[in-house]
Structure formats: C-alpha cells, structure tokens
Amino acid sequence: MDRREFLKKSGLAAAMAAMGRAAAARGAAAPDKGMPRIRLGNVEVSRLILGSNPFWGYSHRNPALDEEMKRFYTDERIIAVLDEAAACGITTVTAPPEPRWISLWTKYREGGGKLTIWIAQCHDAPEKMDAEIVRAIKGGAQAVFIQGGRAEEQFGKGNFETLRAWIDKIKDAGLPAGCAAHWPEVHPELQKRKFPADFYYQCFYNVSKGATFREEERAKAIETIRQIEKPVIAYKILAAGRLPAEQGFEFAFNHIRRKDGVCVGIFIRDGADQIRQNTTLTEALSALRA
C-alpha cells in the first residue's frame, strides 16, 4: 500500500474532524498541544511555520492582489494572525528583518504575545547582507537564513565563499543558520561542499525561473529534499493559493521526512479559519505518518 492509499484508507477526514473537535474543546485561547515539533539546529520549532509573504503583498499571483494584501495587513491584523497561530499551536513565524517587522515583533513580544520564535529571512542586496544579518540578530531572531533569490545569485556566479561567509556570520552569533532556494540544484551542491548550514528552505516550485507552478517542478523539489541530510522546510506547498489546502498538505506530508516541516502564509480575508485548518491538517497527517 503506497502512502497516498494509506492516508485515504486510514481516514484522514475522520482524523481531522476528531482533532478539530478536540481543539475546539480546548478553546481558542489555549495553545494546541497536538502540534508536532522539529529541530533546526538547537532551536525547536513547530512543524508548521507561519509564512509572512501575504503580510508584505507578495501574492505570486498578480499586482492587484499584491496591493490588496498590503492594504489589508495592518499591524493590528498581523498581530491578530500571530495570536491565532499561537492559539492553534504554531510557535514559529518566518519574516524578513525589515524595520517595520522588527518594530512589530518587539511590540508583540513585549505585549505578551504567545508565538515565540522568529526565523529571519535575510534578502537584502549582497553588499548589505552582513548588516541585515546583524539587524536580524539584534532584532530578536532565533534563527536566520539567506533568502532563495540571494542564494541563487551567488550560486549562479559560483560565489560559494560569499554564501559560506554569510552562513558563518550567522553561526558565529550562536544562531542556527540556513539557506533557501527555488532551484532544485542549489542545496545538494551546498551539502556536497560541506556548507555549515543547520537547515534549508526548499520551494516546491521553481518560480525564480519563471515556472508556472508545474507538477514536474514539485517532483524535482521532492528529489532535492530527499538528498538533504539536514532538516528542510518546504514552502509554497499550496502553489501560492492555487491548490486546495487538503491537496497541498497531503502531497507535502506524503513526501517530506519526519524531521522536515512546512512554511505556509495565509490571507485571512479569504477565510478566518485557514490557520486552524492548516494546523489540523499538519497534526492529522503527522499522526498518520508517525
């Protein structure tokens, strides 16, 4: 019996329903104890990580939606999403170390916010990357990784020592260090060169090369993840909103390993229950594959 058949025969829908009832009984204000955890270096994070692309208007759909997201996500609404994610058992968010985010994160944590871990995605120009890494560390990030586009720039030029120096800078500060990529060939090469990364972020679709969210790109991403010794966080598992949550999560958890996780952003204008749904899917699929 293959994994897909197993999930169907094991009653994914029933498992999700039972977990949803249990979560509701615990109450929205209480953290969900059913969320599995993974380790990125010395930091334990929820297996489902909250993405922040919608907060900044990165829809990967069209400019009109980009602008709508930016208008919609005021600081107050972002904080509301963080609170809801924490109530559902998510401990971790990924966000770039921009001044607005650092200010918001500081306000959130000082105000008693229950979502506790921020993984910084450094994405500034190469000549500014060192300063951005320092800004992330000073701003309270518990782990830092290099954004996929920036990593691919250096990879494409053969500047492996530049990329290695950024990873070393993060690790010298005592934080877990990682690297992201859309291209499936990047991470295996870094592993071959014995990069000191503690974790990797792998996009399910090669959007940086103009791919249109094709299944063959997702298959290449899975092949990459299976080669990597360190934990991998899969992102864009829903093809930037093009796939239903059940379909995208089921495929992802059928193919990633127990030590891997997923990063998913949400646009709550399209449904306030998305966080709970994503959490329940993560719990149910993780339990079925335990």
C-alpha atoms as a PDB file:
ATOM      1  CA  MET A   1       0.000   0.000   0.000  1.00  0.00           C
ATOM      2  CA  ASP A   2       1.519   3.341  -1.002  1.00  0.00           C
ATOM      3  CA  ARG A   3       1.355   6.409   1.224  1.00  0.00           C
ATOM      4  CA  ARG A   4      -1.499   8.057  -0.650  1.00  0.00           C
ATOM      5  CA  GLU A   5      -3.633   4.927  -0.423  1.00  0.00           C
ATOM      6  CA  PHE A   6      -2.697   4.545   3.243  1.00  0.00           C
ATOM      7  CA  LEU A   7      -3.857   8.073   4.049  1.00  0.00           C
ATOM      8  CA  LYS A   8      -7.162   7.512   2.316  1.00  0.00           C
ATOM      9  CA  LYS A   9      -7.772   4.135   3.949  1.00  0.00           C
ATOM     10  CA  SER A  10      -6.706   5.473   7.347  1.00  0.00           C
ATOM     11  CA  GLY A  11      -9.455   8.065   7.321  1.00  0.00           C
ATOM     12  CA  LEU A  12      -7.740  11.431   7.039  1.00  0.00           C
ATOM     13  CA  ALA A  13     -11.067  13.252   7.057  1.00  0.00           C
ATOM     14  CA  ALA A  14     -12.149  11.474  10.245  1.00  0.00           C
ATOM     15  CA  ALA A  15      -8.809  12.158  11.920  1.00  0.00           C
ATOM     16  CA  MET A  16      -9.026  15.832  11.029  1.00  0.00           C
ATOM     17  CA  ALA A  17     -12.574  16.065  12.320  1.00  0.00           C
ATOM     18  CA  ALA A  18     -11.624  14.449  15.628  1.00  0.00           C
ATOM     19  CA  MET A  19      -8.665  16.765  16.069  1.00  0.00           C
ATOM     20  CA  GLY A  20     -10.798  19.760  15.201  1.00  0.00           C
ATOM     21  CA  ARG A  21     -13.334  18.790  17.874  1.00  0.00           C
ATOM     22  CA  ALA A  22     -10.556  18.315  20.426  1.00  0.00           C
ATOM     23  CA  ALA A  23      -9.041  21.687  19.564  1.00  0.00           C
ATOM     24  CA  ALA A  24     -12.404  23.379  19.887  1.00  0.00           C
ATOM     25  CA  ALA A  25     -12.935  21.745  23.274  1.00  0.00           C
ATOM     26  CA  ARG A  26      -9.580  23.088  24.479  1.00  0.00           C
ATOM     27  CA  GLY A  27     -10.665  26.586  23.476  1.00  0.00           C
ATOM     28  CA  ALA A  28      -9.094  29.084  21.076  1.00  0.00           C
ATOM     29  CA  ALA A  29      -7.148  30.779  23.871  1.00  0.00           C
ATOM     30  CA  ALA A  30      -5.200  27.657  24.853  1.00  0.00           C
ATOM     31  CA  PRO A  31      -2.207  26.514  22.788  1.00  0.00           C
ATOM     32  CA  ASP A  32      -2.865  23.288  20.918  1.00  0.00           C
ATOM     33  CA  LYS A  33      -0.656  20.546  22.406  1.00  0.00           C
ATOM     34  CA  GLY A  34      -1.065  18.361  19.355  1.00  0.00           C
ATOM     35  CA  MET A  35       1.280  20.363  17.102  1.00  0.00           C
ATOM     36  CA  PRO A  36       4.407  18.288  16.375  1.00  0.00           C
ATOM     37  CA  ARG A  37       7.841  19.902  16.655  1.00  0.00           C
ATOM     38  CA  ILE A  38      11.099  19.604  14.735  1.00  0.00           C
ATOM     39  CA  ARG A  39      14.598  20.928  15.411  1.00  0.00           C
ATOM     40  CA  LEU A  40      16.561  23.452  13.389  1.00  0.00           C
ATOM     41  CA  GLY A  41      19.995  23.306  14.953  1.00  0.00           C
ATOM     42  CA  ASN A  42      19.467  23.952  18.655  1.00  0.00           C
ATOM     43  CA  VAL A  43      16.036  25.562  18.229  1.00  0.00           C
ATOM     44  CA  GLU A  44      12.795  23.591  18.452  1.00  0.00           C
ATOM     45  CA  VAL A  45      10.024  24.884  16.187  1.00  0.00           C
ATOM     46  CA  SER A  46       6.507  23.867  15.264  1.00  0.00           C
ATOM     47  CA  ARG A  47       6.384  21.591  12.248  1.00  0.00           C
ATOM     48  CA  LEU A  48       4.028  24.108  10.646  1.00  0.00           C
ATOM     49  CA  ILE A  49       5.697  27.526  10.400  1.00  0.00           C
ATOM     50  CA  LEU A  50       3.709  30.658   9.622  1.00  0.00           C
ATOM     51  CA  GLY A  51       4.874  32.395   6.453  1.00  0.00           C
ATOM     52  CA  SER A  52       4.719  36.164   6.084  1.00  0.00           C
ATOM     53  CA  ASN A  53       4.621  36.802   2.328  1.00  0.00           C
ATOM     54  CA  PRO A  54       0.958  37.905   2.400  1.00  0.00           C
ATOM     55  CA  PHE A  55       1.772  40.479   5.108  1.00  0.00           C
ATOM     56  CA  TRP A  56       4.017  42.353   2.663  1.00  0.00           C
ATOM     57  CA  GLY A  57       1.982  41.857  -0.502  1.00  0.00           C
ATOM     58  CA  TYR A  58       3.907  39.015  -2.128  1.00  0.00           C
ATOM     59  CA  SER A  59       0.981  37.095  -3.589  1.00  0.00           C
ATOM     60  CA  HIS A  60       2.806  35.464  -6.514  1.00  0.00           C
ATOM     61  CA  ARG A  61      -0.478  35.905  -8.353  1.00  0.00           C
ATOM     62  CA  ASN A  62      -0.900  39.426  -9.729  1.00  0.00           C
ATOM     63  CA  PRO A  63      -0.110  43.070  -8.848  1.00  0.00           C
ATOM     64  CA  ALA A  64      -3.707  43.836  -7.878  1.00  0.00           C
ATOM     65  CA  LEU A  65      -3.697  41.121  -5.238  1.00  0.00           C
ATOM     66  CA  ASP A  66      -0.266  42.286  -4.036  1.00  0.00           C
ATOM     67  CA  GLU A  67      -1.694  45.734  -3.354  1.00  0.00           C
ATOM     68  CA  GLU A  68      -4.805  44.321  -1.719  1.00  0.00           C
ATOM     69  CA  MET A  69      -2.718  42.250   0.671  1.00  0.00           C
ATOM     70  CA  LYS A  70      -0.575  45.234   1.615  1.00  0.00           C
ATOM     71  CA  ARG A  71      -3.635  47.352   2.331  1.00  0.00           C
ATOM     72  CA  PHE A  72      -5.352  44.601   4.275  1.00  0.00           C
ATOM     73  CA  TYR A  73      -2.487  43.647   6.567  1.00  0.00           C
ATOM     74  CA  THR A  74      -2.234  46.466   9.041  1.00  0.00           C
ATOM     75  CA  ASP A  75      -0.018  45.918  12.082  1.00  0.00           C
ATOM     76  CA  GLU A  76      -3.116  45.103  14.117  1.00  0.00           C
ATOM     77  CA  ARG A  77      -4.220  42.396  11.692  1.00  0.00           C
ATOM     78  CA  ILE A  78      -0.736  40.888  11.560  1.00  0.00           C
ATOM     79  CA  ILE A  79      -0.682  40.693  15.358  1.00  0.00           C
ATOM     80  CA  ALA A  80      -4.127  39.083  15.301  1.00  0.00           C
ATOM     81  CA  VAL A  81      -2.781  36.408  12.923  1.00  0.00           C
ATOM     82  CA  LEU A  82       0.207  35.775  15.195  1.00  0.00           C
ATOM     83  CA  ASP A  83      -2.134  35.388  18.177  1.00  0.00           C
ATOM     84  CA  GLU A  84      -4.426  32.991  16.333  1.00  0.00           C
ATOM     85  CA  ALA A  85      -1.462  30.953  15.099  1.00  0.00           C
ATOM     86  CA  ALA A  86      -0.126  30.659  18.647  1.00  0.00           C
ATOM     87  CA  ALA A  87      -3.558  29.622  19.918  1.00  0.00           C
ATOM     88  CA  CYS A  88      -3.522  26.833  17.329  1.00  0.00           C
ATOM     89  CA  GLY A  89      -0.122  25.545  18.463  1.00  0.00           C
ATOM     90  CA  ILE A  90       2.163  27.250  15.946  1.00  0.00           C
ATOM     91  CA  THR A  91       5.291  28.532  17.668  1.00  0.00           C
ATOM     92  CA  THR A  92       7.219  29.998  14.752  1.00  0.00           C
ATOM     93  CA  VAL A  93       6.997  32.651  12.041  1.00  0.00           C
ATOM     94  CA  THR A  94       9.325  33.418   9.132  1.00  0.00           C
ATOM     95  CA  ALA A  95       9.746  37.100   8.197  1.00  0.00           C
ATOM     96  CA  PRO A  96      12.417  39.398   6.740  1.00  0.00           C
ATOM     97  CA  PRO A  97      14.231  41.687   9.212  1.00  0.00           C
ATOM     98  CA  GLU A  98      12.696  44.879   7.863  1.00  0.00           C
ATOM     99  CA  PRO A  99      12.310  47.806  10.318  1.00  0.00           C
ATOM    100  CA  ARG A 100       8.507  47.524  10.286  1.00  0.00           C
ATOM    101  CA  TRP A 101       8.629  43.834  11.177  1.00  0.00           C
ATOM    102  CA  ILE A 102      11.243  44.261  13.912  1.00  0.00           C
ATOM    103  CA  SER A 103       9.189  47.041  15.487  1.00  0.00           C
ATOM    104  CA  LEU A 104       6.023  44.968  15.269  1.00  0.00           C
ATOM    105  CA  TRP A 105       7.736  41.823  16.598  1.00  0.00           C
ATOM    106  CA  THR A 106       9.200  43.747  19.539  1.00  0.00           C
ATOM    107  CA  LYS A 107       5.784  45.228  20.345  1.00  0.00           C
ATOM    108  CA  TYR A 108       4.151  41.817  20.059  1.00  0.00           C
ATOM    109  CA  ARG A 109       6.620  40.024  22.325  1.00  0.00           C
ATOM    110  CA  GLU A 110       6.762  42.813  24.907  1.00  0.00           C
ATOM    111  CA  GLY A 111       2.969  42.752  24.977  1.00  0.00           C
ATOM    112  CA  GLY A 112       2.951  39.094  25.960  1.00  0.00           C
ATOM    113  CA  GLY A 113       2.473  37.542  22.517  1.00  0.00           C
ATOM    114  CA  LYS A 114       2.475  33.742  22.734  1.00  0.00           C
ATOM    115  CA  LEU A 115       4.082  32.985  19.374  1.00  0.00           C
ATOM    116  CA  THR A 116       7.712  32.909  20.490  1.00  0.00           C
ATOM    117  CA  ILE A 117      10.092  32.123  17.637  1.00  0.00           C
ATOM    118  CA  TRP A 118      11.019  34.311  14.702  1.00  0.00           C
ATOM    119  CA  ILE A 119      13.178  32.910  11.879  1.00  0.00           C
ATOM    120  CA  ALA A 120      14.647  35.806   9.900  1.00  0.00           C
ATOM    121  CA  GLN A 121      14.790  35.652   6.118  1.00  0.00           C
ATOM    122  CA  CYS A 122      17.649  37.917   5.013  1.00  0.00           C
ATOM    123  CA  HIS A 123      17.086  39.198   1.494  1.00  0.00           C
ATOM    124  CA  ASP A 124      18.967  42.495   1.108  1.00  0.00           C
ATOM    125  CA  ALA A 125      21.471  43.276  -1.650  1.00  0.00           C
ATOM    126  CA  PRO A 126      24.767  41.380  -1.341  1.00  0.00           C
ATOM    127  CA  GLU A 127      26.699  44.466  -0.238  1.00  0.00           C
ATOM    128  CA  LYS A 128      24.145  44.977   2.564  1.00  0.00           C
ATOM    129  CA  MET A 129      23.726  41.354   3.619  1.00  0.00           C
ATOM    130  CA  ASP A 130      26.171  41.468   6.536  1.00  0.00           C
ATOM    131  CA  ALA A 131      24.366  44.473   8.005  1.00  0.00           C
ATOM    132  CA  GLU A 132      20.992  42.801   7.532  1.00  0.00           C
ATOM    133  CA  ILE A 133      22.157  39.666   9.319  1.00  0.00           C
ATOM    134  CA  VAL A 134      23.300  41.822  12.250  1.00  0.00           C
ATOM    135  CA  ARG A 135      19.933  43.634  12.217  1.00  0.00           C
ATOM    136  CA  ALA A 136      18.090  40.316  12.379  1.00  0.00           C
ATOM    137  CA  ILE A 137      20.175  39.099  15.294  1.00  0.00           C
ATOM    138  CA  LYS A 138      19.783  42.350  17.229  1.00  0.00           C
ATOM    139  CA  GLY A 139      16.070  42.392  16.410  1.00  0.00           C
ATOM    140  CA  GLY A 140      15.453  39.124  18.231  1.00  0.00           C
ATOM    141  CA  ALA A 141      15.592  36.407  15.572  1.00  0.00           C
ATOM    142  CA  GLN A 142      16.268  32.930  16.965  1.00  0.00           C
ATOM    143  CA  ALA A 143      17.459  31.570  13.598  1.00  0.00           C
ATOM    144  CA  VAL A 144      18.442  33.183  10.291  1.00  0.00           C
ATOM    145  CA  PHE A 145      18.547  32.017   6.682  1.00  0.00           C
ATOM    146  CA  ILE A 146      19.537  33.515   3.352  1.00  0.00           C
ATOM    147  CA  GLN A 147      16.598  34.155   1.012  1.00  0.00           C
ATOM    148  CA  GLY A 148      16.395  31.963  -2.074  1.00  0.00           C
ATOM    149  CA  GLY A 149      16.892  34.652  -4.706  1.00  0.00           C
ATOM    150  CA  ARG A 150      20.024  35.943  -2.980  1.00  0.00           C
ATOM    151  CA  ALA A 151      21.420  32.450  -2.548  1.00  0.00           C
ATOM    152  CA  GLU A 152      20.778  31.694  -6.221  1.00  0.00           C
ATOM    153  CA  GLU A 153      22.554  34.877  -7.311  1.00  0.00           C
ATOM    154  CA  GLN A 154      25.729  33.720  -5.595  1.00  0.00           C
ATOM    155  CA  PHE A 155      25.249  30.117  -6.719  1.00  0.00           C
ATOM    156  CA  GLY A 156      24.842  31.207 -10.341  1.00  0.00           C
ATOM    157  CA  LYS A 157      28.068  33.227 -10.191  1.00  0.00           C
ATOM    158  CA  GLY A 158      29.979  30.483  -8.442  1.00  0.00           C
ATOM    159  CA  ASN A 159      30.476  32.734  -5.397  1.00  0.00           C
ATOM    160  CA  PHE A 160      30.299  29.929  -2.888  1.00  0.00           C
ATOM    161  CA  GLU A 161      32.667  31.599  -0.457  1.00  0.00           C
ATOM    162  CA  THR A 162      30.417  34.672  -0.272  1.00  0.00           C
ATOM    163  CA  LEU A 163      27.449  32.491   0.578  1.00  0.00           C
ATOM    164  CA  ARG A 164      29.506  30.477   3.056  1.00  0.00           C
ATOM    165  CA  ALA A 165      30.662  33.685   4.759  1.00  0.00           C
ATOM    166  CA  TRP A 166      27.047  34.735   5.330  1.00  0.00           C
ATOM    167  CA  ILE A 167      26.247  31.353   6.876  1.00  0.00           C
ATOM    168  CA  ASP A 168      29.357  31.582   9.054  1.00  0.00           C
ATOM    169  CA  LYS A 169      28.366  35.059  10.236  1.00  0.00           C
ATOM    170  CA  ILE A 170      25.034  33.745  11.486  1.00  0.00           C
ATOM    171  CA  LYS A 171      26.622  30.769  13.210  1.00  0.00           C
ATOM    172  CA  ASP A 172      29.320  32.921  14.803  1.00  0.00           C
ATOM    173  CA  ALA A 173      26.481  34.722  16.599  1.00  0.00           C
ATOM    174  CA  GLY A 174      25.341  31.394  18.054  1.00  0.00           C
ATOM    175  CA  LEU A 175      22.183  31.068  15.948  1.00  0.00           C
ATOM    176  CA  PRO A 176      21.086  28.239  13.656  1.00  0.00           C
ATOM    177  CA  ALA A 177      21.857  29.208  10.061  1.00  0.00           C
ATOM    178  CA  GLY A 178      20.083  28.189   6.895  1.00  0.00           C
ATOM    179  CA  CYS A 179      19.707  28.784   3.195  1.00  0.00           C
ATOM    180  CA  ALA A 180      16.677  28.879   0.912  1.00  0.00           C
ATOM    181  CA  ALA A 181      16.337  28.099  -2.781  1.00  0.00           C
ATOM    182  CA  HIS A 182      13.821  27.732  -5.579  1.00  0.00           C
ATOM    183  CA  TRP A 183      16.294  25.946  -7.856  1.00  0.00           C
ATOM    184  CA  PRO A 184      16.457  22.224  -7.015  1.00  0.00           C
ATOM    185  CA  GLU A 185      20.201  22.015  -7.682  1.00  0.00           C
ATOM    186  CA  VAL A 186      21.333  24.516  -5.043  1.00  0.00           C
ATOM    187  CA  HIS A 187      21.068  22.661  -1.743  1.00  0.00           C
ATOM    188  CA  PRO A 188      22.615  19.358  -2.902  1.00  0.00           C
ATOM    189  CA  GLU A 189      25.644  21.298  -4.136  1.00  0.00           C
ATOM    190  CA  LEU A 190      25.968  23.177  -0.846  1.00  0.00           C
ATOM    191  CA  GLN A 191      25.773  19.881   1.016  1.00  0.00           C
ATOM    192  CA  LYS A 192      28.428  18.412  -1.278  1.00  0.00           C
ATOM    193  CA  ARG A 193      30.659  21.381  -0.449  1.00  0.00           C
ATOM    194  CA  LYS A 194      30.067  20.747   3.268  1.00  0.00           C
ATOM    195  CA  PHE A 195      28.353  24.046   3.986  1.00  0.00           C
ATOM    196  CA  PRO A 196      27.772  24.508   7.734  1.00  0.00           C
ATOM    197  CA  ALA A 197      24.028  25.136   7.346  1.00  0.00           C
ATOM    198  CA  ASP A 198      21.740  23.752  10.062  1.00  0.00           C
ATOM    199  CA  PHE A 199      18.622  23.724   7.894  1.00  0.00           C
ATOM    200  CA  TYR A 200      17.322  24.531   4.417  1.00  0.00           C
ATOM    201  CA  TYR A 201      14.170  26.077   2.957  1.00  0.00           C
ATOM    202  CA  GLN A 202      13.152  24.444  -0.341  1.00  0.00           C
ATOM    203  CA  CYS A 203      10.474  25.929  -2.587  1.00  0.00           C
ATOM    204  CA  PHE A 204       8.122  23.369  -4.139  1.00  0.00           C
ATOM    205  CA  TYR A 205       8.091  25.371  -7.384  1.00  0.00           C
ATOM    206  CA  ASN A 206      10.946  26.943  -9.320  1.00  0.00           C
ATOM    207  CA  VAL A 207       9.262  30.338  -9.506  1.00  0.00           C
ATOM    208  CA  SER A 208      12.529  32.264  -9.823  1.00  0.00           C
ATOM    209  CA  LYS A 209      12.999  30.781 -13.297  1.00  0.00           C
ATOM    210  CA  GLY A 210       9.517  31.689 -14.471  1.00  0.00           C
ATOM    211  CA  ALA A 211       7.903  28.317 -13.827  1.00  0.00           C
ATOM    212  CA  THR A 212       4.120  28.318 -13.799  1.00  0.00           C
ATOM    213  CA  PHE A 213       3.655  26.012 -10.808  1.00  0.00           C
ATOM    214  CA  ARG A 214       4.051  22.796 -12.770  1.00  0.00           C
ATOM    215  CA  GLU A 215       3.971  19.340 -11.157  1.00  0.00           C
ATOM    216  CA  GLU A 216       7.355  18.433 -12.627  1.00  0.00           C
ATOM    217  CA  GLU A 217       8.918  21.301 -10.661  1.00  0.00           C
ATOM    218  CA  ARG A 218       7.401  19.951  -7.466  1.00  0.00           C
ATOM    219  CA  ALA A 219       8.802  16.494  -8.231  1.00  0.00           C
ATOM    220  CA  LYS A 220      12.297  17.970  -8.581  1.00  0.00           C
ATOM    221  CA  ALA A 221      11.910  19.742  -5.237  1.00  0.00           C
ATOM    222  CA  ILE A 222      10.971  16.462  -3.545  1.00  0.00           C
ATOM    223  CA  GLU A 223      14.001  14.756  -5.079  1.00  0.00           C
ATOM    224  CA  THR A 224      16.166  17.527  -3.629  1.00  0.00           C
ATOM    225  CA  ILE A 225      14.632  17.260  -0.158  1.00  0.00           C
ATOM    226  CA  ARG A 226      15.305  13.523  -0.048  1.00  0.00           C
ATOM    227  CA  GLN A 227      19.010  14.146  -0.713  1.00  0.00           C
ATOM    228  CA  ILE A 228      19.499  16.635   2.115  1.00  0.00           C
ATOM    229  CA  GLU A 229      20.784  15.368   5.446  1.00  0.00           C
ATOM    230  CA  LYS A 230      19.687  18.387   7.481  1.00  0.00           C
ATOM    231  CA  PRO A 231      16.048  19.352   8.144  1.00  0.00           C
ATOM    232  CA  VAL A 232      14.236  21.013   5.251  1.00  0.00           C
ATOM    233  CA  ILE A 233      11.312  23.432   5.422  1.00  0.00           C
ATOM    234  CA  ALA A 234       9.141  23.082   2.304  1.00  0.00           C
ATOM    235  CA  TYR A 235       7.437  26.274   1.177  1.00  0.00           C
ATOM    236  CA  LYS A 236       4.843  27.247  -1.427  1.00  0.00           C
ATOM    237  CA  ILE A 237       3.278  23.831  -0.861  1.00  0.00           C
ATOM    238  CA  LEU A 238      -0.090  25.304  -1.896  1.00  0.00           C
ATOM    239  CA  ALA A 239       1.371  26.861  -5.072  1.00  0.00           C
ATOM    240  CA  ALA A 240       0.680  30.369  -3.728  1.00  0.00           C
ATOM    241  CA  GLY A 241      -3.003  29.606  -3.167  1.00  0.00           C
ATOM    242  CA  ARG A 242      -3.555  27.665  -6.377  1.00  0.00           C
ATOM    243  CA  LEU A 243      -4.116  24.329  -4.600  1.00  0.00           C
ATOM    244  CA  PRO A 244      -6.759  23.462  -2.001  1.00  0.00           C
ATOM    245  CA  ALA A 245      -5.220  23.117   1.446  1.00  0.00           C
ATOM    246  CA  GLU A 246      -6.092  19.419   1.809  1.00  0.00           C
ATOM    247  CA  GLN A 247      -4.449  18.564  -1.513  1.00  0.00           C
ATOM    248  CA  GLY A 248      -1.293  20.589  -0.942  1.00  0.00           C
ATOM    249  CA  PHE A 249      -0.733  19.459   2.636  1.00  0.00           C
ATOM    250  CA  GLU A 250      -1.389  15.806   1.838  1.00  0.00           C
ATOM    251  CA  PHE A 251       1.120  15.829  -1.006  1.00  0.00           C
ATOM    252  CA  ALA A 252       3.741  17.602   1.101  1.00  0.00           C
ATOM    253  CA  PHE A 253       3.444  15.308   4.095  1.00  0.00           C
ATOM    254  CA  ASN A 254       3.445  12.248   1.843  1.00  0.00           C
ATOM    255  CA  HIS A 255       6.907  13.231   0.630  1.00  0.00           C
ATOM    256  CA  ILE A 256       8.822  15.136   3.321  1.00  0.00           C
ATOM    257  CA  ARG A 257      10.562  13.316   6.159  1.00  0.00           C
ATOM    258  CA  ARG A 258       9.671  13.361   9.857  1.00  0.00           C
ATOM    259  CA  LYS A 259      12.461  15.846  10.582  1.00  0.00           C
ATOM    260  CA  ASP A 260      11.156  18.266   7.912  1.00  0.00           C
ATOM    261  CA  GLY A 261       8.465  20.931   8.157  1.00  0.00           C
ATOM    262  CA  VAL A 262       6.379  23.286   6.044  1.00  0.00           C
ATOM    263  CA  CYS A 263       6.018  27.070   5.905  1.00  0.00           C
ATOM    264  CA  VAL A 264       2.631  28.433   4.835  1.00  0.00           C
ATOM    265  CA  GLY A 265       1.355  32.009   4.746  1.00  0.00           C
ATOM    266  CA  ILE A 266      -2.330  32.940   4.836  1.00  0.00           C
ATOM    267  CA  PHE A 267      -4.577  35.726   3.617  1.00  0.00           C
ATOM    268  CA  ILE A 268      -7.303  35.753   6.271  1.00  0.00           C
ATOM    269  CA  ARG A 269      -9.574  37.911   4.135  1.00  0.00           C
ATOM    270  CA  ASP A 270     -10.267  34.696   2.217  1.00  0.00           C
ATOM    271  CA  GLY A 271     -11.236  32.731   5.330  1.00  0.00           C
ATOM    272  CA  ALA A 272     -10.629  33.275   9.020  1.00  0.00           C
ATOM    273  CA  ASP A 273     -10.416  29.522   9.679  1.00  0.00           C
ATOM    274  CA  GLN A 274      -7.345  28.936   7.490  1.00  0.00           C
ATOM    275  CA  ILE A 275      -4.912  28.796  10.402  1.00  0.00           C
ATOM    276  CA  ARG A 276      -6.982  26.211  12.257  1.00  0.00           C
ATOM    277  CA  GLN A 277      -7.437  24.187   9.079  1.00  0.00           C
ATOM    278  CA  ASN A 278      -3.705  24.195   8.331  1.00  0.00           C
ATOM    279  CA  THR A 279      -2.907  23.242  11.910  1.00  0.00           C
ATOM    280  CA  THR A 280      -5.386  20.391  11.909  1.00  0.00           C
ATOM    281  CA  LEU A 281      -4.008  19.089   8.613  1.00  0.00           C
ATOM    282  CA  THR A 282      -0.457  19.187   9.989  1.00  0.00           C
ATOM    283  CA  GLU A 283      -1.457  17.347  13.154  1.00  0.00           C
ATOM    284  CA  ALA A 284      -3.540  14.719  11.353  1.00  0.00           C
ATOM    285  CA  LEU A 285      -1.008  13.990   8.616  1.00  0.00           C
ATOM    286  CA  SER A 286       1.880  13.903  11.082  1.00  0.00           C
ATOM    287  CA  ALA A 287      -0.036  11.451  13.283  1.00  0.00           C
ATOM    288  CA  LEU A 288      -0.874   9.201  10.355  1.00  0.00           C
ATOM    289  CA  ARG A 289       2.780   9.009   9.393  1.00  0.00           C
ATOM    290  CA  ALA A 290       4.165   8.661  12.943  1.00  0.00           C
END
